[in-house]
Every structure is written in structure tokens, then in C-alpha cells.
Amino acid sequence: MKNLFTQKGFTLIELLVAVLLLAMITTMVYSILNVGIRAQDKGGKKLLAMERQLGLLNLLHHQVNSAWYDVMKDEITISSDGNYLRIITRYPLINRSSGIVLAMYRYDEGEQTLYYLEKKDYYNIDYDDEYLPAIDEMYFLTKTDGSFFMEYDSEEGNLLVEYLENQYVLLPRCGFNPYVINK
């Protein structure tokens, strides 16, 4: 018969060392997972910013492509001044069933925010090149989180958009008057 007191077991020191090793391994695993979660969050924010950027550029591309050519004035109905863009277009964002609208963009440099407004009565004489709606009349479109600039070059017939230090050139399809053969 064996003596109960001669059997070997764990000492208190061995148990403390095991608990300490377990705590160290748990801390390392937590640190690795935490770094992964932060990287995923940062990547998600970057993807969201890129998605916003591409969405805005896609909207501008479609509206510039569908810009109205005024035969009476013999020009494309786009004007801008760097922080403000005005387009009469066949591609509305808000009033989809309207057909042709006056689309206006306004950039607030202080807040780095882009605002948007559409007018269904684009032919209204009050909406000339000098018309600039107040920001509180406009809809919030996006926060740019960086530089934003838009300028229409009437001689070249293109819209230059600078967004987050990238430059894009958008060309309207109606860049020429089909009724004038020789100018």
C-alpha cells in the first residue's frame, strides 16, 4: 500500500509560474489582435474615403458628360470659379424625373465641405452666372478631408477637378456645335 503523503504534486511556486506564463501569453495574443483590429478600422476608413471620392467624381463625370449645349449662345452651360461650379445638365442627382436641371456645387474651404443644389427651373433668368445660393439653402454632399478645387476652362472645353491632391479632367460630350461646320 502506498503512502498518501509520498505522492508527488504541484507546489505553490510551480502553480504561480504556470499562471504567470498563461497571463503573459494571453497579453501577447490580445496585443496582436488589437493591432489587427486597429489596422482593419484604419483600412475601412480609407476605403470609405476612396468610395466617397469615386462617387463624387462619377457624379461630376456624368453631369459634365450630359451638360447642356446652348445653341443660342453657342456654348456649353458650365461655369466655375474654383469653389463654385454651375452646370445645366441632363443628369440630375435629386430630381431624377426632371430631365434637365441646374446643378450647383459649392465648396466651403473652412469646413472642407462640398454642398450641392439643383434647380428644376434652370431657364429662370435669376440663375445667371452671378447667382450664388447661400450654403444653408444647399444640401450637404460630402466632407472632402483635404484639398478640393474645380475650374472650367471654356477655351479647352474641360473641367479640371483637383481632389485630395489628384487632378482629373472631365470632358463634356457636347463640346462642339453640330450646326456650325466652319467657324
N, C-alpha and C. Protein backbone atom coordinates (compact mmCIF):
# COMPACT_ATOMS: atom_id res chain seq x y z
N MET A 1 0.82 -1.16 0.00
CA MET A 1 0.00 0.00 0.00
C MET A 1 0.88 1.25 0.00
N LYS A 2 0.46 2.21 -0.79
CA LYS A 2 1.24 3.44 -0.93
C LYS A 2 0.82 4.43 0.12
N ASN A 3 1.77 5.23 0.49
CA ASN A 3 1.53 6.27 1.46
C ASN A 3 0.98 7.50 0.73
N LEU A 4 -0.10 8.07 1.26
CA LEU A 4 -0.71 9.23 0.64
C LEU A 4 0.21 10.45 0.68
N PHE A 5 1.07 10.55 1.64
CA PHE A 5 1.91 11.73 1.79
C PHE A 5 3.16 11.67 0.94
N THR A 6 3.48 10.57 0.32
CA THR A 6 4.68 10.48 -0.50
C THR A 6 4.40 10.72 -1.98
N GLN A 7 3.13 10.90 -2.36
CA GLN A 7 2.82 11.16 -3.76
C GLN A 7 3.27 12.57 -4.13
N LYS A 8 3.76 12.70 -5.36
CA LYS A 8 4.23 13.98 -5.86
C LYS A 8 3.04 14.76 -6.40
N GLY A 9 3.05 16.12 -6.27
CA GLY A 9 2.02 17.02 -6.79
C GLY A 9 2.67 18.34 -7.20
N PHE A 10 1.84 19.33 -7.42
CA PHE A 10 2.35 20.65 -7.80
C PHE A 10 2.60 21.46 -6.53
N THR A 11 3.70 22.16 -6.56
CA THR A 11 3.97 23.06 -5.44
C THR A 11 3.33 24.40 -5.76
N LEU A 12 3.23 25.25 -4.80
CA LEU A 12 2.64 26.56 -4.96
C LEU A 12 3.46 27.42 -5.93
N ILE A 13 4.75 27.30 -5.91
CA ILE A 13 5.62 28.06 -6.81
C ILE A 13 5.40 27.60 -8.25
N GLU A 14 5.29 26.32 -8.50
CA GLU A 14 5.04 25.82 -9.84
C GLU A 14 3.70 26.32 -10.37
N LEU A 15 2.72 26.34 -9.52
CA LEU A 15 1.40 26.83 -9.91
C LEU A 15 1.46 28.33 -10.25
N LEU A 16 2.17 29.12 -9.47
CA LEU A 16 2.32 30.55 -9.73
C LEU A 16 3.05 30.81 -11.05
N VAL A 17 4.09 30.04 -11.34
CA VAL A 17 4.82 30.18 -12.60
C VAL A 17 3.91 29.85 -13.78
N ALA A 18 3.09 28.82 -13.66
CA ALA A 18 2.16 28.45 -14.74
C ALA A 18 1.13 29.56 -14.98
N VAL A 19 0.61 30.14 -13.91
CA VAL A 19 -0.37 31.22 -14.05
C VAL A 19 0.30 32.45 -14.68
N LEU A 20 1.53 32.76 -14.29
CA LEU A 20 2.26 33.89 -14.86
C LEU A 20 2.51 33.68 -16.35
N LEU A 21 2.92 32.50 -16.76
CA LEU A 21 3.13 32.21 -18.18
C LEU A 21 1.83 32.33 -18.98
N LEU A 22 0.75 31.85 -18.41
CA LEU A 22 -0.55 31.96 -19.06
C LEU A 22 -0.96 33.42 -19.24
N ALA A 23 -0.71 34.24 -18.22
CA ALA A 23 -1.04 35.67 -18.29
C ALA A 23 -0.19 36.36 -19.37
N MET A 24 1.08 36.01 -19.48
CA MET A 24 1.95 36.62 -20.49
C MET A 24 1.50 36.24 -21.90
N ILE A 25 1.17 35.00 -22.11
CA ILE A 25 0.71 34.54 -23.42
C ILE A 25 -0.62 35.21 -23.79
N THR A 26 -1.52 35.34 -22.84
CA THR A 26 -2.80 36.00 -23.08
C THR A 26 -2.60 37.47 -23.45
N THR A 27 -1.68 38.14 -22.77
CA THR A 27 -1.38 39.55 -23.08
C THR A 27 -0.81 39.70 -24.48
N MET A 28 0.07 38.81 -24.89
CA MET A 28 0.65 38.89 -26.24
C MET A 28 -0.42 38.66 -27.31
N VAL A 29 -1.28 37.67 -27.10
CA VAL A 29 -2.35 37.40 -28.07
C VAL A 29 -3.29 38.59 -28.17
N TYR A 30 -3.64 39.20 -27.03
CA TYR A 30 -4.51 40.37 -27.02
C TYR A 30 -3.87 41.53 -27.79
N SER A 31 -2.58 41.76 -27.59
CA SER A 31 -1.87 42.84 -28.28
C SER A 31 -1.89 42.63 -29.80
N ILE A 32 -1.65 41.42 -30.23
CA ILE A 32 -1.65 41.11 -31.66
C ILE A 32 -3.05 41.32 -32.25
N LEU A 33 -4.07 40.86 -31.56
CA LEU A 33 -5.44 41.04 -32.05
C LEU A 33 -5.82 42.52 -32.07
N ASN A 34 -5.40 43.28 -31.08
CA ASN A 34 -5.71 44.70 -31.00
C ASN A 34 -5.07 45.46 -32.17
N VAL A 35 -3.84 45.13 -32.52
CA VAL A 35 -3.18 45.76 -33.67
C VAL A 35 -3.94 45.42 -34.96
N GLY A 36 -4.38 44.21 -35.09
CA GLY A 36 -5.15 43.80 -36.27
C GLY A 36 -6.48 44.53 -36.38
N ILE A 37 -7.15 44.71 -35.26
CA ILE A 37 -8.43 45.41 -35.26
C ILE A 37 -8.23 46.88 -35.63
N ARG A 38 -7.19 47.52 -35.10
CA ARG A 38 -6.92 48.92 -35.44
C ARG A 38 -6.56 49.06 -36.91
N ALA A 39 -5.80 48.13 -37.45
CA ALA A 39 -5.43 48.19 -38.87
C ALA A 39 -6.68 48.02 -39.75
N GLN A 40 -7.57 47.14 -39.35
CA GLN A 40 -8.80 46.94 -40.11
C GLN A 40 -9.66 48.20 -40.08
N ASP A 41 -9.76 48.86 -38.93
CA ASP A 41 -10.53 50.08 -38.80
C ASP A 41 -9.95 51.19 -39.67
N LYS A 42 -8.63 51.32 -39.66
CA LYS A 42 -7.97 52.33 -40.48
C LYS A 42 -8.17 52.05 -41.97
N GLY A 43 -8.08 50.78 -42.35
CA GLY A 43 -8.32 50.40 -43.75
C GLY A 43 -9.76 50.65 -44.16
N GLY A 44 -10.70 50.39 -43.26
CA GLY A 44 -12.10 50.65 -43.54
C GLY A 44 -12.38 52.13 -43.77
N LYS A 45 -11.75 52.98 -42.95
CA LYS A 45 -11.92 54.42 -43.13
C LYS A 45 -11.32 54.88 -44.46
N LYS A 46 -10.18 54.32 -44.83
CA LYS A 46 -9.55 54.68 -46.10
C LYS A 46 -10.43 54.22 -47.27
N LEU A 47 -11.00 53.02 -47.17
CA LEU A 47 -11.90 52.54 -48.23
C LEU A 47 -13.14 53.42 -48.35
N LEU A 48 -13.68 53.86 -47.22
CA LEU A 48 -14.84 54.74 -47.25
C LEU A 48 -14.51 56.07 -47.91
N ALA A 49 -13.34 56.63 -47.60
CA ALA A 49 -12.91 57.89 -48.23
C ALA A 49 -12.73 57.71 -49.73
N MET A 50 -12.14 56.60 -50.15
CA MET A 50 -11.96 56.34 -51.58
C MET A 50 -13.31 56.15 -52.27
N GLU A 51 -14.24 55.49 -51.60
CA GLU A 51 -15.57 55.29 -52.16
C GLU A 51 -16.29 56.63 -52.34
N ARG A 52 -16.18 57.52 -51.36
CA ARG A 52 -16.77 58.85 -51.48
C ARG A 52 -16.15 59.61 -52.64
N GLN A 53 -14.84 59.54 -52.74
CA GLN A 53 -14.12 60.25 -53.80
C GLN A 53 -14.57 59.76 -55.17
N LEU A 54 -14.62 58.45 -55.35
CA LEU A 54 -15.04 57.90 -56.65
C LEU A 54 -16.50 58.19 -56.95
N GLY A 55 -17.35 58.17 -55.92
CA GLY A 55 -18.76 58.50 -56.12
C GLY A 55 -18.94 59.93 -56.58
N LEU A 56 -18.23 60.86 -55.95
CA LEU A 56 -18.32 62.26 -56.34
C LEU A 56 -17.78 62.47 -57.76
N LEU A 57 -16.65 61.87 -58.06
CA LEU A 57 -16.07 62.00 -59.40
C LEU A 57 -16.98 61.38 -60.46
N ASN A 58 -17.63 60.28 -60.13
CA ASN A 58 -18.57 59.64 -61.05
C ASN A 58 -19.77 60.56 -61.31
N LEU A 59 -20.29 61.17 -60.26
CA LEU A 59 -21.41 62.10 -60.42
C LEU A 59 -21.00 63.29 -61.28
N LEU A 60 -19.86 63.88 -60.98
CA LEU A 60 -19.37 65.01 -61.78
C LEU A 60 -19.15 64.60 -63.24
N HIS A 61 -18.58 63.42 -63.44
CA HIS A 61 -18.34 62.92 -64.80
C HIS A 61 -19.65 62.83 -65.59
N HIS A 62 -20.68 62.22 -64.97
CA HIS A 62 -21.96 62.07 -65.66
C HIS A 62 -22.62 63.42 -65.92
N GLN A 63 -22.54 64.32 -64.94
CA GLN A 63 -23.18 65.62 -65.14
C GLN A 63 -22.45 66.46 -66.19
N VAL A 64 -21.13 66.39 -66.20
CA VAL A 64 -20.38 67.13 -67.22
C VAL A 64 -20.60 66.51 -68.60
N ASN A 65 -20.62 65.18 -68.66
CA ASN A 65 -20.89 64.49 -69.92
C ASN A 65 -22.26 64.87 -70.49
N SER A 66 -23.20 65.10 -69.59
CA SER A 66 -24.57 65.40 -70.01
C SER A 66 -24.88 66.89 -69.98
N ALA A 67 -23.85 67.71 -69.99
CA ALA A 67 -24.05 69.16 -69.94
C ALA A 67 -24.85 69.62 -71.15
N TRP A 68 -25.63 70.65 -70.95
CA TRP A 68 -26.49 71.21 -71.98
C TRP A 68 -25.69 72.16 -72.86
N TYR A 69 -25.85 71.99 -74.18
CA TYR A 69 -25.21 72.91 -75.12
C TYR A 69 -26.25 73.94 -75.53
N ASP A 70 -25.97 75.21 -75.24
CA ASP A 70 -26.89 76.29 -75.58
C ASP A 70 -26.59 76.76 -77.01
N VAL A 71 -27.47 76.43 -77.91
CA VAL A 71 -27.27 76.75 -79.32
C VAL A 71 -27.34 78.27 -79.53
N MET A 72 -28.19 78.94 -78.78
CA MET A 72 -28.35 80.40 -78.93
C MET A 72 -27.06 81.13 -78.54
N LYS A 73 -26.44 80.70 -77.46
CA LYS A 73 -25.20 81.34 -77.01
C LYS A 73 -23.95 80.69 -77.61
N ASP A 74 -24.15 79.54 -78.25
CA ASP A 74 -23.06 78.78 -78.86
C ASP A 74 -21.98 78.42 -77.83
N GLU A 75 -22.46 77.85 -76.69
CA GLU A 75 -21.54 77.45 -75.64
C GLU A 75 -22.14 76.36 -74.76
N ILE A 76 -21.26 75.67 -74.07
CA ILE A 76 -21.68 74.67 -73.10
C ILE A 76 -22.04 75.42 -71.82
N THR A 77 -23.10 75.00 -71.16
CA THR A 77 -23.59 75.72 -69.99
C THR A 77 -22.92 75.24 -68.71
N ILE A 78 -21.62 75.48 -68.61
CA ILE A 78 -20.84 75.17 -67.41
C ILE A 78 -20.05 76.42 -67.07
N SER A 79 -20.03 76.76 -65.79
CA SER A 79 -19.19 77.86 -65.32
C SER A 79 -18.69 77.52 -63.92
N SER A 80 -17.54 78.11 -63.56
CA SER A 80 -16.99 77.84 -62.23
C SER A 80 -16.04 78.97 -61.84
N ASP A 81 -15.68 78.96 -60.55
CA ASP A 81 -14.70 79.93 -60.06
C ASP A 81 -13.74 79.32 -59.04
N GLY A 82 -13.56 78.03 -59.04
CA GLY A 82 -12.66 77.36 -58.10
C GLY A 82 -13.38 76.69 -56.96
N ASN A 83 -14.24 77.44 -56.26
CA ASN A 83 -15.01 76.88 -55.15
C ASN A 83 -16.49 76.74 -55.49
N TYR A 84 -16.84 77.05 -56.71
CA TYR A 84 -18.23 77.04 -57.12
C TYR A 84 -18.33 76.51 -58.54
N LEU A 85 -19.27 75.60 -58.79
CA LEU A 85 -19.46 75.03 -60.12
C LEU A 85 -20.95 75.06 -60.43
N ARG A 86 -21.26 75.45 -61.66
CA ARG A 86 -22.64 75.56 -62.12
C ARG A 86 -22.74 74.84 -63.46
N ILE A 87 -23.66 73.85 -63.55
CA ILE A 87 -23.84 73.05 -64.78
C ILE A 87 -25.33 72.92 -65.05
N ILE A 88 -25.74 73.18 -66.28
CA ILE A 88 -27.08 72.78 -66.70
C ILE A 88 -26.89 71.42 -67.35
N THR A 89 -27.52 70.42 -66.77
CA THR A 89 -27.24 69.04 -67.15
C THR A 89 -28.50 68.21 -67.31
N ARG A 90 -28.36 67.14 -68.06
CA ARG A 90 -29.44 66.16 -68.24
C ARG A 90 -29.31 65.01 -67.24
N TYR A 91 -28.42 65.13 -66.27
CA TYR A 91 -28.16 64.06 -65.30
C TYR A 91 -28.38 64.60 -63.88
N PRO A 92 -29.64 64.72 -63.45
CA PRO A 92 -29.89 65.23 -62.10
C PRO A 92 -29.59 64.18 -61.03
N LEU A 93 -29.23 64.66 -59.86
CA LEU A 93 -28.98 63.77 -58.72
C LEU A 93 -30.23 63.65 -57.85
N ILE A 94 -30.89 64.74 -57.58
CA ILE A 94 -32.04 64.76 -56.66
C ILE A 94 -33.36 64.60 -57.41
N ASN A 95 -33.59 65.42 -58.40
CA ASN A 95 -34.85 65.43 -59.16
C ASN A 95 -34.71 64.57 -60.41
N ARG A 96 -34.65 63.27 -60.23
CA ARG A 96 -34.37 62.33 -61.33
C ARG A 96 -35.36 62.43 -62.49
N SER A 97 -36.61 62.74 -62.18
CA SER A 97 -37.61 62.76 -63.25
C SER A 97 -37.70 64.11 -63.95
N SER A 98 -36.90 65.07 -63.56
CA SER A 98 -36.99 66.42 -64.11
C SER A 98 -36.41 66.55 -65.51
N GLY A 99 -35.51 65.69 -65.86
CA GLY A 99 -34.87 65.81 -67.17
C GLY A 99 -33.67 66.71 -67.10
N ILE A 100 -33.87 68.01 -67.31
CA ILE A 100 -32.77 68.97 -67.30
C ILE A 100 -32.87 69.82 -66.03
N VAL A 101 -31.73 69.99 -65.35
CA VAL A 101 -31.69 70.80 -64.12
C VAL A 101 -30.44 71.66 -64.12
N LEU A 102 -30.47 72.66 -63.26
CA LEU A 102 -29.29 73.45 -62.96
C LEU A 102 -28.66 72.83 -61.72
N ALA A 103 -27.48 72.25 -61.86
CA ALA A 103 -26.77 71.64 -60.73
C ALA A 103 -25.68 72.60 -60.27
N MET A 104 -25.67 72.87 -58.97
CA MET A 104 -24.69 73.81 -58.41
C MET A 104 -23.93 73.16 -57.27
N TYR A 105 -22.62 73.29 -57.34
CA TYR A 105 -21.73 72.80 -56.30
C TYR A 105 -21.06 74.00 -55.65
N ARG A 106 -20.89 73.93 -54.35
CA ARG A 106 -20.19 75.00 -53.63
C ARG A 106 -19.30 74.37 -52.56
N TYR A 107 -18.04 74.75 -52.60
CA TYR A 107 -17.06 74.19 -51.66
C TYR A 107 -16.75 75.21 -50.58
N ASP A 108 -16.89 74.80 -49.33
CA ASP A 108 -16.54 75.64 -48.19
C ASP A 108 -15.16 75.21 -47.70
N GLU A 109 -14.15 76.04 -47.98
CA GLU A 109 -12.76 75.68 -47.63
C GLU A 109 -12.56 75.55 -46.14
N GLY A 110 -13.18 76.42 -45.36
CA GLY A 110 -13.01 76.38 -43.90
C GLY A 110 -13.44 75.06 -43.29
N GLU A 111 -14.58 74.57 -43.72
CA GLU A 111 -15.11 73.30 -43.20
C GLU A 111 -14.70 72.10 -44.04
N GLN A 112 -14.05 72.34 -45.17
CA GLN A 112 -13.69 71.30 -46.14
C GLN A 112 -14.92 70.46 -46.49
N THR A 113 -15.98 71.16 -46.85
CA THR A 113 -17.26 70.51 -47.11
C THR A 113 -17.79 70.96 -48.48
N LEU A 114 -18.34 70.01 -49.21
CA LEU A 114 -18.93 70.29 -50.52
C LEU A 114 -20.45 70.23 -50.40
N TYR A 115 -21.11 71.26 -50.92
CA TYR A 115 -22.56 71.35 -50.89
C TYR A 115 -23.09 71.28 -52.31
N TYR A 116 -24.38 70.91 -52.42
CA TYR A 116 -24.99 70.69 -53.73
C TYR A 116 -26.42 71.21 -53.72
N LEU A 117 -26.85 71.73 -54.87
CA LEU A 117 -28.22 72.19 -55.02
C LEU A 117 -28.65 72.00 -56.47
N GLU A 118 -29.91 71.63 -56.67
CA GLU A 118 -30.48 71.51 -58.01
C GLU A 118 -31.69 72.42 -58.13
N LYS A 119 -31.81 73.02 -59.28
CA LYS A 119 -32.97 73.84 -59.59
C LYS A 119 -33.62 73.27 -60.84
N LYS A 120 -34.91 72.94 -60.71
CA LYS A 120 -35.63 72.39 -61.86
C LYS A 120 -35.89 73.46 -62.91
N ASP A 121 -36.09 74.70 -62.48
CA ASP A 121 -36.36 75.79 -63.42
C ASP A 121 -35.04 76.45 -63.85
N TYR A 122 -34.22 75.65 -64.51
CA TYR A 122 -32.89 76.08 -64.94
C TYR A 122 -32.93 77.29 -65.88
N TYR A 123 -34.02 77.49 -66.55
CA TYR A 123 -34.18 78.56 -67.53
C TYR A 123 -34.50 79.91 -66.87
N ASN A 124 -34.71 79.94 -65.56
CA ASN A 124 -35.04 81.16 -64.84
C ASN A 124 -33.91 82.19 -65.00
N ILE A 125 -34.25 83.41 -65.37
CA ILE A 125 -33.23 84.43 -65.62
C ILE A 125 -32.51 84.84 -64.33
N ASP A 126 -33.07 84.53 -63.17
CA ASP A 126 -32.39 84.85 -61.91
C ASP A 126 -31.16 83.98 -61.69
N TYR A 127 -31.07 82.86 -62.37
CA TYR A 127 -29.95 81.93 -62.19
C TYR A 127 -28.86 82.17 -63.23
N ASP A 128 -28.43 83.40 -63.33
CA ASP A 128 -27.36 83.72 -64.27
C ASP A 128 -26.00 83.30 -63.68
N ASP A 129 -24.93 83.65 -64.35
CA ASP A 129 -23.59 83.25 -63.89
C ASP A 129 -23.22 83.86 -62.55
N GLU A 130 -23.89 84.91 -62.15
CA GLU A 130 -23.58 85.57 -60.88
C GLU A 130 -24.37 84.97 -59.71
N TYR A 131 -25.36 84.14 -59.99
CA TYR A 131 -26.20 83.58 -58.94
C TYR A 131 -25.39 82.62 -58.07
N LEU A 132 -25.40 82.87 -56.76
CA LEU A 132 -24.69 82.02 -55.81
C LEU A 132 -25.61 81.79 -54.61
N PRO A 133 -26.17 80.58 -54.48
CA PRO A 133 -27.09 80.32 -53.37
C PRO A 133 -26.33 80.29 -52.04
N ALA A 134 -27.04 80.61 -50.98
CA ALA A 134 -26.44 80.53 -49.64
C ALA A 134 -26.23 79.07 -49.27
N ILE A 135 -25.23 78.82 -48.45
CA ILE A 135 -24.91 77.44 -48.07
C ILE A 135 -26.07 76.78 -47.34
N ASP A 136 -26.83 77.55 -46.54
CA ASP A 136 -27.94 76.93 -45.81
C ASP A 136 -29.09 76.51 -46.71
N GLU A 137 -29.11 76.97 -47.97
CA GLU A 137 -30.11 76.51 -48.95
C GLU A 137 -29.69 75.20 -49.61
N MET A 138 -28.41 74.88 -49.52
CA MET A 138 -27.85 73.75 -50.25
C MET A 138 -27.83 72.50 -49.38
N TYR A 139 -27.66 71.35 -50.04
CA TYR A 139 -27.57 70.06 -49.35
C TYR A 139 -26.10 69.71 -49.11
N PHE A 140 -25.84 69.14 -47.96
CA PHE A 140 -24.51 68.63 -47.66
C PHE A 140 -24.25 67.45 -48.59
N LEU A 141 -23.14 67.49 -49.32
CA LEU A 141 -22.82 66.39 -50.23
C LEU A 141 -21.74 65.49 -49.64
N THR A 142 -20.61 66.08 -49.26
CA THR A 142 -19.54 65.26 -48.68
C THR A 142 -18.53 66.13 -47.95
N LYS A 143 -17.82 65.52 -47.05
CA LYS A 143 -16.68 66.14 -46.39
C LYS A 143 -15.45 65.68 -47.16
N THR A 144 -14.63 66.62 -47.62
CA THR A 144 -13.54 66.25 -48.52
C THR A 144 -12.28 65.79 -47.79
N ASP A 145 -12.10 66.18 -46.54
CA ASP A 145 -10.91 65.79 -45.76
C ASP A 145 -9.61 66.10 -46.49
N GLY A 146 -9.56 67.21 -47.17
CA GLY A 146 -8.36 67.60 -47.90
C GLY A 146 -8.68 68.64 -48.94
N SER A 147 -7.76 68.83 -49.87
CA SER A 147 -7.92 69.87 -50.88
C SER A 147 -8.99 69.50 -51.91
N PHE A 148 -9.69 70.53 -52.39
CA PHE A 148 -10.69 70.34 -53.42
C PHE A 148 -10.76 71.62 -54.24
N PHE A 149 -10.78 71.48 -55.57
CA PHE A 149 -10.80 72.63 -56.47
C PHE A 149 -11.44 72.20 -57.78
N MET A 150 -12.26 73.07 -58.36
CA MET A 150 -12.86 72.77 -59.66
C MET A 150 -12.88 74.03 -60.51
N GLU A 151 -12.42 73.90 -61.74
CA GLU A 151 -12.33 75.05 -62.64
C GLU A 151 -12.68 74.60 -64.06
N TYR A 152 -13.61 75.31 -64.68
CA TYR A 152 -13.98 75.00 -66.06
C TYR A 152 -13.20 75.91 -66.99
N ASP A 153 -12.52 75.31 -67.95
CA ASP A 153 -11.77 76.05 -68.95
C ASP A 153 -12.62 76.08 -70.22
N SER A 154 -13.24 77.23 -70.50
CA SER A 154 -14.15 77.32 -71.64
C SER A 154 -13.41 77.25 -72.97
N GLU A 155 -12.15 77.64 -73.00
CA GLU A 155 -11.39 77.58 -74.25
C GLU A 155 -11.03 76.14 -74.60
N GLU A 156 -10.61 75.37 -73.60
CA GLU A 156 -10.28 73.95 -73.81
C GLU A 156 -11.53 73.08 -73.79
N GLY A 157 -12.59 73.58 -73.14
CA GLY A 157 -13.83 72.81 -73.05
C GLY A 157 -13.75 71.65 -72.09
N ASN A 158 -13.02 71.82 -70.97
CA ASN A 158 -12.95 70.73 -69.99
C ASN A 158 -13.03 71.27 -68.57
N LEU A 159 -13.40 70.40 -67.67
CA LEU A 159 -13.49 70.74 -66.26
C LEU A 159 -12.32 70.08 -65.55
N LEU A 160 -11.52 70.88 -64.87
CA LEU A 160 -10.40 70.37 -64.08
C LEU A 160 -10.86 70.26 -62.63
N VAL A 161 -10.75 69.07 -62.07
CA VAL A 161 -11.11 68.84 -60.68
C VAL A 161 -9.86 68.36 -59.96
N GLU A 162 -9.52 69.04 -58.89
CA GLU A 162 -8.41 68.62 -58.04
C GLU A 162 -9.01 68.17 -56.72
N TYR A 163 -8.79 66.91 -56.40
CA TYR A 163 -9.40 66.32 -55.21
C TYR A 163 -8.36 65.47 -54.51
N LEU A 164 -8.06 65.81 -53.27
CA LEU A 164 -7.06 65.11 -52.46
C LEU A 164 -5.73 64.99 -53.21
N GLU A 165 -5.32 66.10 -53.79
CA GLU A 165 -4.05 66.24 -54.49
C GLU A 165 -3.94 65.41 -55.78
N ASN A 166 -5.05 64.91 -56.27
CA ASN A 166 -5.11 64.24 -57.57
C ASN A 166 -5.88 65.15 -58.52
N GLN A 167 -5.45 65.17 -59.78
CA GLN A 167 -6.12 66.01 -60.76
C GLN A 167 -6.86 65.14 -61.78
N TYR A 168 -8.08 65.57 -62.09
CA TYR A 168 -8.92 64.86 -63.04
C TYR A 168 -9.43 65.87 -64.07
N VAL A 169 -9.50 65.45 -65.32
CA VAL A 169 -10.02 66.30 -66.39
C VAL A 169 -11.28 65.63 -66.92
N LEU A 170 -12.39 66.36 -66.85
CA LEU A 170 -13.68 65.85 -67.31
C LEU A 170 -14.10 66.61 -68.56
N LEU A 171 -14.50 65.88 -69.58
CA LEU A 171 -14.86 66.48 -70.86
C LEU A 171 -16.34 66.27 -71.15
N PRO A 172 -17.04 67.35 -71.50
CA PRO A 172 -18.44 67.17 -71.92
C PRO A 172 -18.53 66.56 -73.31
N ARG A 173 -19.55 65.79 -73.54
CA ARG A 173 -19.75 65.18 -74.87
C ARG A 173 -20.20 66.20 -75.89
N CYS A 174 -20.88 67.22 -75.41
CA CYS A 174 -21.42 68.22 -76.34
C CYS A 174 -20.42 69.36 -76.55
N GLY A 175 -19.15 69.05 -76.64
CA GLY A 175 -18.10 70.05 -76.73
C GLY A 175 -18.02 70.79 -78.04
N PHE A 176 -18.89 70.51 -78.95
CA PHE A 176 -18.89 71.24 -80.22
C PHE A 176 -20.33 71.48 -80.65
N ASN A 177 -20.50 72.46 -81.48
CA ASN A 177 -21.81 72.76 -82.02
C ASN A 177 -21.98 71.99 -83.32
N PRO A 178 -22.87 71.02 -83.39
CA PRO A 178 -23.03 70.24 -84.61
C PRO A 178 -23.62 71.04 -85.77
N TYR A 179 -24.17 72.20 -85.47
CA TYR A 179 -24.80 73.01 -86.50
C TYR A 179 -23.82 73.95 -87.22
N VAL A 180 -22.66 74.16 -86.62
CA VAL A 180 -21.67 75.05 -87.23
C VAL A 180 -20.58 74.20 -87.84
N ILE A 181 -20.41 74.31 -89.18
CA ILE A 181 -19.42 73.48 -89.86
C ILE A 181 -18.06 74.16 -89.85
N ASN A 182 -17.99 75.39 -90.24
CA ASN A 182 -16.73 76.14 -90.22
C ASN A 182 -16.90 77.34 -89.31
N LYS A 183 -15.98 77.50 -88.46
CA LYS A 183 -16.08 78.61 -87.53
C LYS A 183 -15.01 79.60 -87.78
